[in-house]
Amino acid sequence: MSRSPLTIPERQVRPSKLQAPYPRVRVIVLDDDVNTFEHVVQVLVRYIPGMNPDQAWKLAHQIDGEGSAVVWSGPQEQGELYHQQLSAEGLTMAPLDFS
């Protein structure tokens, strides 16, 4: 008795509704009269991925000179974490910016 091979139909994938991209945010540190340049630099290097001391010093000077600086931008969930960590270390933070 001869058996024909079993043919499994290919699964057809239906196009789903386009998902909106995860919201992006900007994490902004504000100038204050409490934190030293050294503390700002240490905190930024500790918590912001890929941040090196030279970048952190430039941002600290921008914060001091302009009143604020965007220290990170990206997906909301990560931004919320970094915002929380920087705030817990005593940095003065602007609310997350969704622009």
PDB file of N, CA and C in Angstrom:
ATOM      1  N   MET A   1       0.826  -1.167   0.000  1.00  0.00           N
ATOM      2  CA  MET A   1       0.000   0.000   0.000  1.00  0.00           C
ATOM      3  C   MET A   1       0.876   1.238   0.000  1.00  0.00           C
ATOM      4  N   SER A   2       0.624   2.072  -0.935  1.00  0.00           N
ATOM      5  CA  SER A   2       1.428   3.273  -1.096  1.00  0.00           C
ATOM      6  C   SER A   2       0.739   4.454  -0.425  1.00  0.00           C
ATOM      7  N   ARG A   3       1.523   5.183   0.337  1.00  0.00           N
ATOM      8  CA  ARG A   3       0.969   6.377   1.022  1.00  0.00           C
ATOM      9  C   ARG A   3       1.571   7.621   0.398  1.00  0.00           C
ATOM     10  N   SER A   4       0.750   8.573   0.163  1.00  0.00           N
ATOM     11  CA  SER A   4       1.273   9.837  -0.345  1.00  0.00           C
ATOM     12  C   SER A   4       1.751  10.674   0.836  1.00  0.00           C
ATOM     13  N   PRO A   5       2.792  11.458   0.624  1.00  0.00           N
ATOM     14  CA  PRO A   5       3.304  12.267   1.730  1.00  0.00           C
ATOM     15  C   PRO A   5       2.249  13.262   2.193  1.00  0.00           C
ATOM     16  N   LEU A   6       2.257  13.481   3.482  1.00  0.00           N
ATOM     17  CA  LEU A   6       1.311  14.425   4.076  1.00  0.00           C
ATOM     18  C   LEU A   6       1.747  15.841   3.739  1.00  0.00           C
ATOM     19  N   THR A   7       0.845  16.608   3.227  1.00  0.00           N
ATOM     20  CA  THR A   7       1.140  17.992   2.892  1.00  0.00           C
ATOM     21  C   THR A   7       0.500  18.890   3.933  1.00  0.00           C
ATOM     22  N   ILE A   8       1.324  19.707   4.536  1.00  0.00           N
ATOM     23  CA  ILE A   8       0.824  20.655   5.538  1.00  0.00           C
ATOM     24  C   ILE A   8       0.707  22.006   4.863  1.00  0.00           C
ATOM     25  N   PRO A   9      -0.487  22.553   4.882  1.00  0.00           N
ATOM     26  CA  PRO A   9      -0.636  23.852   4.233  1.00  0.00           C
ATOM     27  C   PRO A   9       0.172  24.916   4.973  1.00  0.00           C
ATOM     28  N   GLU A  10       0.713  25.855   4.208  1.00  0.00           N
ATOM     29  CA  GLU A  10       1.473  26.938   4.819  1.00  0.00           C
ATOM     30  C   GLU A  10       0.541  27.829   5.622  1.00  0.00           C
ATOM     31  N   ARG A  11       1.038  28.262   6.724  1.00  0.00           N
ATOM     32  CA  ARG A  11       0.253  29.162   7.571  1.00  0.00           C
ATOM     33  C   ARG A  11       0.255  30.541   6.937  1.00  0.00           C
ATOM     34  N   GLN A  12      -0.921  31.058   6.786  1.00  0.00           N
ATOM     35  CA  GLN A  12      -1.020  32.388   6.210  1.00  0.00           C
ATOM     36  C   GLN A  12      -1.091  33.409   7.334  1.00  0.00           C
ATOM     37  N   VAL A  13      -0.242  34.386   7.218  1.00  0.00           N
ATOM     38  CA  VAL A  13      -0.192  35.435   8.233  1.00  0.00           C
ATOM     39  C   VAL A  13      -0.996  36.612   7.727  1.00  0.00           C
ATOM     40  N   ARG A  14      -1.979  36.963   8.518  1.00  0.00           N
ATOM     41  CA  ARG A  14      -2.783  38.124   8.145  1.00  0.00           C
ATOM     42  C   ARG A  14      -2.101  39.388   8.619  1.00  0.00           C
ATOM     43  N   PRO A  15      -2.134  40.407   7.791  1.00  0.00           N
ATOM     44  CA  PRO A  15      -1.541  41.663   8.260  1.00  0.00           C
ATOM     45  C   PRO A  15      -2.348  42.186   9.449  1.00  0.00           C
ATOM     46  N   SER A  16      -1.655  42.479  10.518  1.00  0.00           N
ATOM     47  CA  SER A  16      -2.335  43.011  11.694  1.00  0.00           C
ATOM     48  C   SER A  16      -2.366  44.533  11.606  1.00  0.00           C
ATOM     49  N   LYS A  17      -3.145  45.106  12.478  1.00  0.00           N
ATOM     50  CA  LYS A  17      -3.188  46.565  12.524  1.00  0.00           C
ATOM     51  C   LYS A  17      -1.799  47.065  12.850  1.00  0.00           C
ATOM     52  N   LEU A  18      -1.432  48.130  12.216  1.00  0.00           N
ATOM     53  CA  LEU A  18      -0.121  48.694  12.497  1.00  0.00           C
ATOM     54  C   LEU A  18      -0.091  49.179  13.933  1.00  0.00           C
ATOM     55  N   GLN A  19       0.900  48.753  14.651  1.00  0.00           N
ATOM     56  CA  GLN A  19       1.041  49.182  16.029  1.00  0.00           C
ATOM     57  C   GLN A  19       1.791  50.502  16.051  1.00  0.00           C
ATOM     58  N   ALA A  20       1.318  51.389  16.898  1.00  0.00           N
ATOM     59  CA  ALA A  20       2.012  52.662  17.059  1.00  0.00           C
ATOM     60  C   ALA A  20       3.355  52.393  17.724  1.00  0.00           C
ATOM     61  N   PRO A  21       4.368  53.106  17.325  1.00  0.00           N
ATOM     62  CA  PRO A  21       5.664  52.910  17.974  1.00  0.00           C
ATOM     63  C   PRO A  21       5.577  53.276  19.451  1.00  0.00           C
ATOM     64  N   TYR A  22       6.398  52.630  20.234  1.00  0.00           N
ATOM     65  CA  TYR A  22       6.417  52.919  21.663  1.00  0.00           C
ATOM     66  C   TYR A  22       6.771  54.390  21.827  1.00  0.00           C
ATOM     67  N   PRO A  23       6.065  55.118  22.688  1.00  0.00           N
ATOM     68  CA  PRO A  23       6.347  56.554  22.841  1.00  0.00           C
ATOM     69  C   PRO A  23       7.806  56.813  23.205  1.00  0.00           C
ATOM     70  N   ARG A  24       8.335  57.858  22.627  1.00  0.00           N
ATOM     71  CA  ARG A  24       9.714  58.257  22.918  1.00  0.00           C
ATOM     72  C   ARG A  24       9.679  59.448  23.866  1.00  0.00           C
ATOM     73  N   VAL A  25      10.666  59.503  24.730  1.00  0.00           N
ATOM     74  CA  VAL A  25      10.752  60.587  25.702  1.00  0.00           C
ATOM     75  C   VAL A  25      12.165  61.147  25.732  1.00  0.00           C
ATOM     76  N   ARG A  26      12.253  62.343  26.305  1.00  0.00           N
ATOM     77  CA  ARG A  26      13.551  62.961  26.566  1.00  0.00           C
ATOM     78  C   ARG A  26      13.678  63.134  28.071  1.00  0.00           C
ATOM     79  N   VAL A  27      14.833  62.757  28.606  1.00  0.00           N
ATOM     80  CA  VAL A  27      15.129  62.917  30.030  1.00  0.00           C
ATOM     81  C   VAL A  27      15.959  64.190  30.161  1.00  0.00           C
ATOM     82  N   ILE A  28      15.441  65.130  30.951  1.00  0.00           N
ATOM     83  CA  ILE A  28      16.050  66.454  31.053  1.00  0.00           C
ATOM     84  C   ILE A  28      16.430  66.739  32.504  1.00  0.00           C
ATOM     85  N   VAL A  29      17.695  67.128  32.696  1.00  0.00           N
ATOM     86  CA  VAL A  29      18.178  67.531  34.014  1.00  0.00           C
ATOM     87  C   VAL A  29      18.180  69.057  34.063  1.00  0.00           C
ATOM     88  N   LEU A  30      17.696  69.593  35.187  1.00  0.00           N
ATOM     89  CA  LEU A  30      17.619  71.040  35.382  1.00  0.00           C
ATOM     90  C   LEU A  30      18.751  71.527  36.277  1.00  0.00           C
ATOM     91  N   ASP A  31      19.119  72.781  36.091  1.00  0.00           N
ATOM     92  CA  ASP A  31      20.126  73.412  36.938  1.00  0.00           C
ATOM     93  C   ASP A  31      19.541  73.644  38.329  1.00  0.00           C
ATOM     94  N   ASP A  32      20.383  73.541  39.328  1.00  0.00           N
ATOM     95  CA  ASP A  32      19.965  73.868  40.690  1.00  0.00           C
ATOM     96  C   ASP A  32      21.176  74.389  41.456  1.00  0.00           C
ATOM     97  N   ASP A  33      20.958  74.829  42.679  1.00  0.00           N
ATOM     98  CA  ASP A  33      22.050  75.342  43.506  1.00  0.00           C
ATOM     99  C   ASP A  33      22.513  74.305  44.519  1.00  0.00           C
ATOM    100  N   VAL A  34      22.164  73.046  44.294  1.00  0.00           N
ATOM    101  CA  VAL A  34      22.449  71.991  45.268  1.00  0.00           C
ATOM    102  C   VAL A  34      23.555  71.055  44.783  1.00  0.00           C
ATOM    103  N   ASN A  35      23.432  70.573  43.568  1.00  0.00           N
ATOM    104  CA  ASN A  35      24.351  69.554  43.064  1.00  0.00           C
ATOM    105  C   ASN A  35      25.625  70.166  42.493  1.00  0.00           C
ATOM    106  N   THR A  36      26.742  69.500  42.784  1.00  0.00           N
ATOM    107  CA  THR A  36      28.025  69.926  42.229  1.00  0.00           C
ATOM    108  C   THR A  36      28.196  69.349  40.830  1.00  0.00           C
ATOM    109  N   PHE A  37      29.097  69.919  40.071  1.00  0.00           N
ATOM    110  CA  PHE A  37      29.415  69.382  38.747  1.00  0.00           C
ATOM    111  C   PHE A  37      29.841  67.920  38.883  1.00  0.00           C
ATOM    112  N   GLU A  38      30.698  67.644  39.865  1.00  0.00           N
ATOM    113  CA  GLU A  38      31.215  66.294  40.055  1.00  0.00           C
ATOM    114  C   GLU A  38      30.088  65.292  40.307  1.00  0.00           C
ATOM    115  N   HIS A  39      29.118  65.678  41.137  1.00  0.00           N
ATOM    116  CA  HIS A  39      28.014  64.769  41.434  1.00  0.00           C
ATOM    117  C   HIS A  39      27.182  64.502  40.182  1.00  0.00           C
ATOM    118  N   VAL A  40      26.882  65.546  39.437  1.00  0.00           N
ATOM    119  CA  VAL A  40      26.104  65.385  38.194  1.00  0.00           C
ATOM    120  C   VAL A  40      26.832  64.432  37.250  1.00  0.00           C
ATOM    121  N   VAL A  41      28.124  64.642  37.084  1.00  0.00           N
ATOM    122  CA  VAL A  41      28.918  63.790  36.186  1.00  0.00           C
ATOM    123  C   VAL A  41      28.892  62.340  36.668  1.00  0.00           C
ATOM    124  N   GLN A  42      29.134  62.115  37.953  1.00  0.00           N
ATOM    125  CA  GLN A  42      29.145  60.753  38.491  1.00  0.00           C
ATOM    126  C   GLN A  42      27.806  60.052  38.264  1.00  0.00           C
ATOM    127  N   VAL A  43      26.712  60.756  38.515  1.00  0.00           N
ATOM    128  CA  VAL A  43      25.385  60.156  38.372  1.00  0.00           C
ATOM    129  C   VAL A  43      25.086  59.844  36.908  1.00  0.00           C
ATOM    130  N   LEU A  44      25.386  60.766  36.025  1.00  0.00           N
ATOM    131  CA  LEU A  44      25.130  60.521  34.599  1.00  0.00           C
ATOM    132  C   LEU A  44      25.925  59.319  34.095  1.00  0.00           C
ATOM    133  N   VAL A  45      27.184  59.237  34.465  1.00  0.00           N
ATOM    134  CA  VAL A  45      28.026  58.119  34.014  1.00  0.00           C
ATOM    135  C   VAL A  45      27.521  56.807  34.604  1.00  0.00           C
ATOM    136  N   ARG A  46      27.048  56.833  35.839  1.00  0.00           N
ATOM    137  CA  ARG A  46      26.582  55.615  36.506  1.00  0.00           C
ATOM    138  C   ARG A  46      25.300  55.070  35.885  1.00  0.00           C
ATOM    139  N   TYR A  47      24.378  55.947  35.503  1.00  0.00           N
ATOM    140  CA  TYR A  47      23.046  55.470  35.124  1.00  0.00           C
ATOM    141  C   TYR A  47      22.696  55.563  33.641  1.00  0.00           C
ATOM    142  N   ILE A  48      23.299  56.458  32.900  1.00  0.00           N
ATOM    143  CA  ILE A  48      22.933  56.610  31.482  1.00  0.00           C
ATOM    144  C   ILE A  48      23.843  55.716  30.642  1.00  0.00           C
ATOM    145  N   PRO A  49      23.277  54.739  29.936  1.00  0.00           N
ATOM    146  CA  PRO A  49      24.092  53.807  29.144  1.00  0.00           C
ATOM    147  C   PRO A  49      24.945  54.537  28.106  1.00  0.00           C
ATOM    148  N   GLY A  50      26.195  54.135  28.042  1.00  0.00           N
ATOM    149  CA  GLY A  50      27.105  54.701  27.039  1.00  0.00           C
ATOM    150  C   GLY A  50      27.642  56.075  27.386  1.00  0.00           C
ATOM    151  N   MET A  51      27.246  56.624  28.522  1.00  0.00           N
ATOM    152  CA  MET A  51      27.709  57.959  28.914  1.00  0.00           C
ATOM    153  C   MET A  51      29.152  57.852  29.413  1.00  0.00           C
ATOM    154  N   ASN A  52      30.011  58.694  28.863  1.00  0.00           N
ATOM    155  CA  ASN A  52      31.389  58.718  29.357  1.00  0.00           C
ATOM    156  C   ASN A  52      31.623  60.038  30.092  1.00  0.00           C
ATOM    157  N   PRO A  53      32.681  60.127  30.873  1.00  0.00           N
ATOM    158  CA  PRO A  53      32.914  61.338  31.665  1.00  0.00           C
ATOM    159  C   PRO A  53      32.986  62.624  30.837  1.00  0.00           C
ATOM    160  N   ASP A  54      33.603  62.559  29.656  1.00  0.00           N
ATOM    161  CA  ASP A  54      33.697  63.770  28.825  1.00  0.00           C
ATOM    162  C   ASP A  54      32.308  64.272  28.421  1.00  0.00           C
ATOM    163  N   GLN A  55      31.448  63.351  27.988  1.00  0.00           N
ATOM    164  CA  GLN A  55      30.079  63.747  27.624  1.00  0.00           C
ATOM    165  C   GLN A  55      29.343  64.306  28.836  1.00  0.00           C
ATOM    166  N   ALA A  56      29.518  63.656  29.986  1.00  0.00           N
ATOM    167  CA  ALA A  56      28.834  64.081  31.207  1.00  0.00           C
ATOM    168  C   ALA A  56      29.287  65.474  31.636  1.00  0.00           C
ATOM    169  N   TRP A  57      30.580  65.769  31.505  1.00  0.00           N
ATOM    170  CA  TRP A  57      31.068  67.112  31.846  1.00  0.00           C
ATOM    171  C   TRP A  57      30.465  68.163  30.915  1.00  0.00           C
ATOM    172  N   LYS A  58      30.386  67.849  29.623  1.00  0.00           N
ATOM    173  CA  LYS A  58      29.769  68.794  28.674  1.00  0.00           C
ATOM    174  C   LYS A  58      28.315  69.056  29.043  1.00  0.00           C
ATOM    175  N   LEU A  59      27.601  67.992  29.394  1.00  0.00           N
ATOM    176  CA  LEU A  59      26.201  68.153  29.791  1.00  0.00           C
ATOM    177  C   LEU A  59      26.084  68.948  31.092  1.00  0.00           C
ATOM    178  N   ALA A  60      26.976  68.697  32.041  1.00  0.00           N
ATOM    179  CA  ALA A  60      26.950  69.450  33.310  1.00  0.00           C
ATOM    180  C   ALA A  60      27.154  70.938  33.049  1.00  0.00           C
ATOM    181  N   HIS A  61      28.065  71.272  32.143  1.00  0.00           N
ATOM    182  CA  HIS A  61      28.288  72.683  31.796  1.00  0.00           C
ATOM    183  C   HIS A  61      27.074  73.269  31.074  1.00  0.00           C
ATOM    184  N   GLN A  62      26.440  72.466  30.220  1.00  0.00           N
ATOM    185  CA  GLN A  62      25.219  72.933  29.536  1.00  0.00           C
ATOM    186  C   GLN A  62      24.106  73.175  30.550  1.00  0.00           C
ATOM    187  N   ILE A  63      23.953  72.264  31.492  1.00  0.00           N
ATOM    188  CA  ILE A  63      22.928  72.425  32.525  1.00  0.00           C
ATOM    189  C   ILE A  63      23.171  73.715  33.289  1.00  0.00           C
ATOM    190  N   ASP A  64      24.423  73.954  33.657  1.00  0.00           N
ATOM    191  CA  ASP A  64      24.768  75.165  34.410  1.00  0.00           C
ATOM    192  C   ASP A  64      24.574  76.428  33.575  1.00  0.00           C
ATOM    193  N   GLY A  65      24.995  76.383  32.329  1.00  0.00           N
ATOM    194  CA  GLY A  65      24.953  77.576  31.485  1.00  0.00           C
ATOM    195  C   GLY A  65      23.594  77.883  30.877  1.00  0.00           C
ATOM    196  N   GLU A  66      22.836  76.851  30.520  1.00  0.00           N
ATOM    197  CA  GLU A  66      21.557  77.048  29.837  1.00  0.00           C
ATOM    198  C   GLU A  66      20.344  76.746  30.707  1.00  0.00           C
ATOM    199  N   GLY A  67      20.586  76.183  31.882  1.00  0.00           N
ATOM    200  CA  GLY A  67      19.483  75.878  32.784  1.00  0.00           C
ATOM    201  C   GLY A  67      18.947  74.467  32.687  1.00  0.00           C
ATOM    202  N   SER A  68      19.302  73.747  31.623  1.00  0.00           N
ATOM    203  CA  SER A  68      18.852  72.365  31.471  1.00  0.00           C
ATOM    204  C   SER A  68      19.615  71.713  30.323  1.00  0.00           C
ATOM    205  N   ALA A  69      19.519  70.379  30.289  1.00  0.00           N
ATOM    206  CA  ALA A  69      20.100  69.622  29.172  1.00  0.00           C
ATOM    207  C   ALA A  69      19.368  68.303  29.045  1.00  0.00           C
ATOM    208  N   VAL A  70      19.178  67.888  27.806  1.00  0.00           N
ATOM    209  CA  VAL A  70      18.636  66.557  27.525  1.00  0.00           C
ATOM    210  C   VAL A  70      19.804  65.587  27.696  1.00  0.00           C
ATOM    211  N   VAL A  71      19.668  64.671  28.649  1.00  0.00           N
ATOM    212  CA  VAL A  71      20.766  63.739  28.923  1.00  0.00           C
ATOM    213  C   VAL A  71      20.545  62.372  28.294  1.00  0.00           C
ATOM    214  N   TRP A  72      19.311  62.114  27.859  1.00  0.00           N
ATOM    215  CA  TRP A  72      19.005  60.841  27.205  1.00  0.00           C
ATOM    216  C   TRP A  72      17.675  60.981  26.486  1.00  0.00           C
ATOM    217  N   SER A  73      17.516  60.267  25.371  1.00  0.00           N
ATOM    218  CA  SER A  73      16.217  60.181  24.710  1.00  0.00           C
ATOM    219  C   SER A  73      16.063  58.779  24.140  1.00  0.00           C
ATOM    220  N   GLY A  74      14.810  58.314  24.158  1.00  0.00           N
ATOM    221  CA  GLY A  74      14.537  56.974  23.666  1.00  0.00           C
ATOM    222  C   GLY A  74      13.185  56.493  24.145  1.00  0.00           C
ATOM    223  N   PRO A  75      12.982  55.173  24.166  1.00  0.00           N
ATOM    224  CA  PRO A  75      11.682  54.613  24.547  1.00  0.00           C
ATOM    225  C   PRO A  75      11.258  55.020  25.958  1.00  0.00           C
ATOM    226  N   GLN A  76       9.958  55.218  26.112  1.00  0.00           N
ATOM    227  CA  GLN A  76       9.391  55.715  27.366  1.00  0.00           C
ATOM    228  C   GLN A  76       9.777  54.871  28.578  1.00  0.00           C
ATOM    229  N   GLU A  77       9.680  53.564  28.445  1.00  0.00           N
ATOM    230  CA  GLU A  77       9.930  52.700  29.603  1.00  0.00           C
ATOM    231  C   GLU A  77      11.347  52.888  30.143  1.00  0.00           C
ATOM    232  N   GLN A  78      12.327  52.935  29.269  1.00  0.00           N
ATOM    233  CA  GLN A  78      13.705  53.166  29.704  1.00  0.00           C
ATOM    234  C   GLN A  78      13.854  54.570  30.274  1.00  0.00           C
ATOM    235  N   GLY A  79      13.233  55.538  29.603  1.00  0.00           N
ATOM    236  CA  GLY A  79      13.310  56.919  30.067  1.00  0.00           C
ATOM    237  C   GLY A  79      12.760  57.083  31.472  1.00  0.00           C
ATOM    238  N   GLU A  80      11.671  56.380  31.766  1.00  0.00           N
ATOM    239  CA  GLU A  80      11.095  56.449  33.108  1.00  0.00           C
ATOM    240  C   GLU A  80      12.075  55.923  34.142  1.00  0.00           C
ATOM    241  N   LEU A  81      12.765  54.836  33.803  1.00  0.00           N
ATOM    242  CA  LEU A  81      13.749  54.266  34.720  1.00  0.00           C
ATOM    243  C   LEU A  81      14.887  55.248  34.969  1.00  0.00           C
ATOM    244  N   TYR A  82      15.470  55.812  33.897  1.00  0.00           N
ATOM    245  CA  TYR A  82      16.599  56.728  34.057  1.00  0.00           C
ATOM    246  C   TYR A  82      16.164  57.976  34.825  1.00  0.00           C
ATOM    247  N   HIS A  83      14.978  58.478  34.527  1.00  0.00           N
ATOM    248  CA  HIS A  83      14.454  59.653  35.226  1.00  0.00           C
ATOM    249  C   HIS A  83      14.364  59.362  36.723  1.00  0.00           C
ATOM    250  N   GLN A  84      13.840  58.206  37.057  1.00  0.00           N
ATOM    251  CA  GLN A  84      13.689  57.803  38.458  1.00  0.00           C
ATOM    252  C   GLN A  84      15.053  57.659  39.140  1.00  0.00           C
ATOM    253  N   GLN A  85      15.999  57.049  38.470  1.00  0.00           N
ATOM    254  CA  GLN A  85      17.326  56.844  39.046  1.00  0.00           C
ATOM    255  C   GLN A  85      18.047  58.166  39.276  1.00  0.00           C
ATOM    256  N   LEU A  86      18.003  59.057  38.299  1.00  0.00           N
ATOM    257  CA  LEU A  86      18.675  60.349  38.445  1.00  0.00           C
ATOM    258  C   LEU A  86      18.033  61.165  39.560  1.00  0.00           C
ATOM    259  N   SER A  87      16.734  61.132  39.610  1.00  0.00           N
ATOM    260  CA  SER A  87      16.006  61.848  40.655  1.00  0.00           C
ATOM    261  C   SER A  87      16.351  61.297  42.038  1.00  0.00           C
ATOM    262  N   ALA A  88      16.441  59.976  42.155  1.00  0.00           N
ATOM    263  CA  ALA A  88      16.771  59.342  43.435  1.00  0.00           C
ATOM    264  C   ALA A  88      18.173  59.733  43.913  1.00  0.00           C
ATOM    265  N   GLU A  89      19.044  60.083  42.975  1.00  0.00           N
ATOM    266  CA  GLU A  89      20.399  60.515  43.317  1.00  0.00           C
ATOM    267  C   GLU A  89      20.456  62.014  43.624  1.00  0.00           C
ATOM    268  N   GLY A  90      19.301  62.676  43.569  1.00  0.00           N
ATOM    269  CA  GLY A  90      19.245  64.078  43.959  1.00  0.00           C
ATOM    270  C   GLY A  90      19.308  65.094  42.842  1.00  0.00           C
ATOM    271  N   LEU A  91      19.388  64.634  41.583  1.00  0.00           N
ATOM    272  CA  LEU A  91      19.401  65.600  40.485  1.00  0.00           C
ATOM    273  C   LEU A  91      18.011  66.205  40.344  1.00  0.00           C
ATOM    274  N   THR A  92      17.971  67.458  39.940  1.00  0.00           N
ATOM    275  CA  THR A  92      16.700  68.144  39.724  1.00  0.00           C
ATOM    276  C   THR A  92      16.250  67.844  38.301  1.00  0.00           C
ATOM    277  N   MET A  93      15.061  67.221  38.203  1.00  0.00           N
ATOM    278  CA  MET A  93      14.599  66.711  36.914  1.00  0.00           C
ATOM    279  C   MET A  93      13.374  67.474  36.424  1.00  0.00           C
ATOM    280  N   ALA A  94      13.334  67.693  35.113  1.00  0.00           N
ATOM    281  CA  ALA A  94      12.106  68.178  34.478  1.00  0.00           C
ATOM    282  C   ALA A  94      11.204  66.955  34.296  1.00  0.00           C
ATOM    283  N   PRO A  95       9.902  67.172  34.158  1.00  0.00           N
ATOM    284  CA  PRO A  95       9.045  66.027  33.820  1.00  0.00           C
ATOM    285  C   PRO A  95       9.504  65.417  32.489  1.00  0.00           C
ATOM    286  N   LEU A  96       9.233  64.129  32.299  1.00  0.00           N
ATOM    287  CA  LEU A  96       9.584  63.502  31.025  1.00  0.00           C
ATOM    288  C   LEU A  96       8.961  64.291  29.884  1.00  0.00           C
ATOM    289  N   ASP A  97       9.744  64.510  28.838  1.00  0.00           N
ATOM    290  CA  ASP A  97       9.298  65.285  27.688  1.00  0.00           C
ATOM    291  C   ASP A  97       8.945  64.316  26.559  1.00  0.00           C
ATOM    292  N   PHE A  98       7.686  64.349  26.132  1.00  0.00           N
ATOM    293  CA  PHE A  98       7.211  63.439  25.084  1.00  0.00           C
ATOM    294  C   PHE A  98       7.294  64.043  23.696  1.00  0.00           C
ATOM    295  N   SER A  99       8.066  65.084  23.517  1.00  0.00           N
ATOM    296  CA  SER A  99       8.133  65.689  22.183  1.00  0.00           C
ATOM    297  C   SER A  99       9.226  65.075  21.339  1.00  0.00           C
TER     298      SER A  99
END
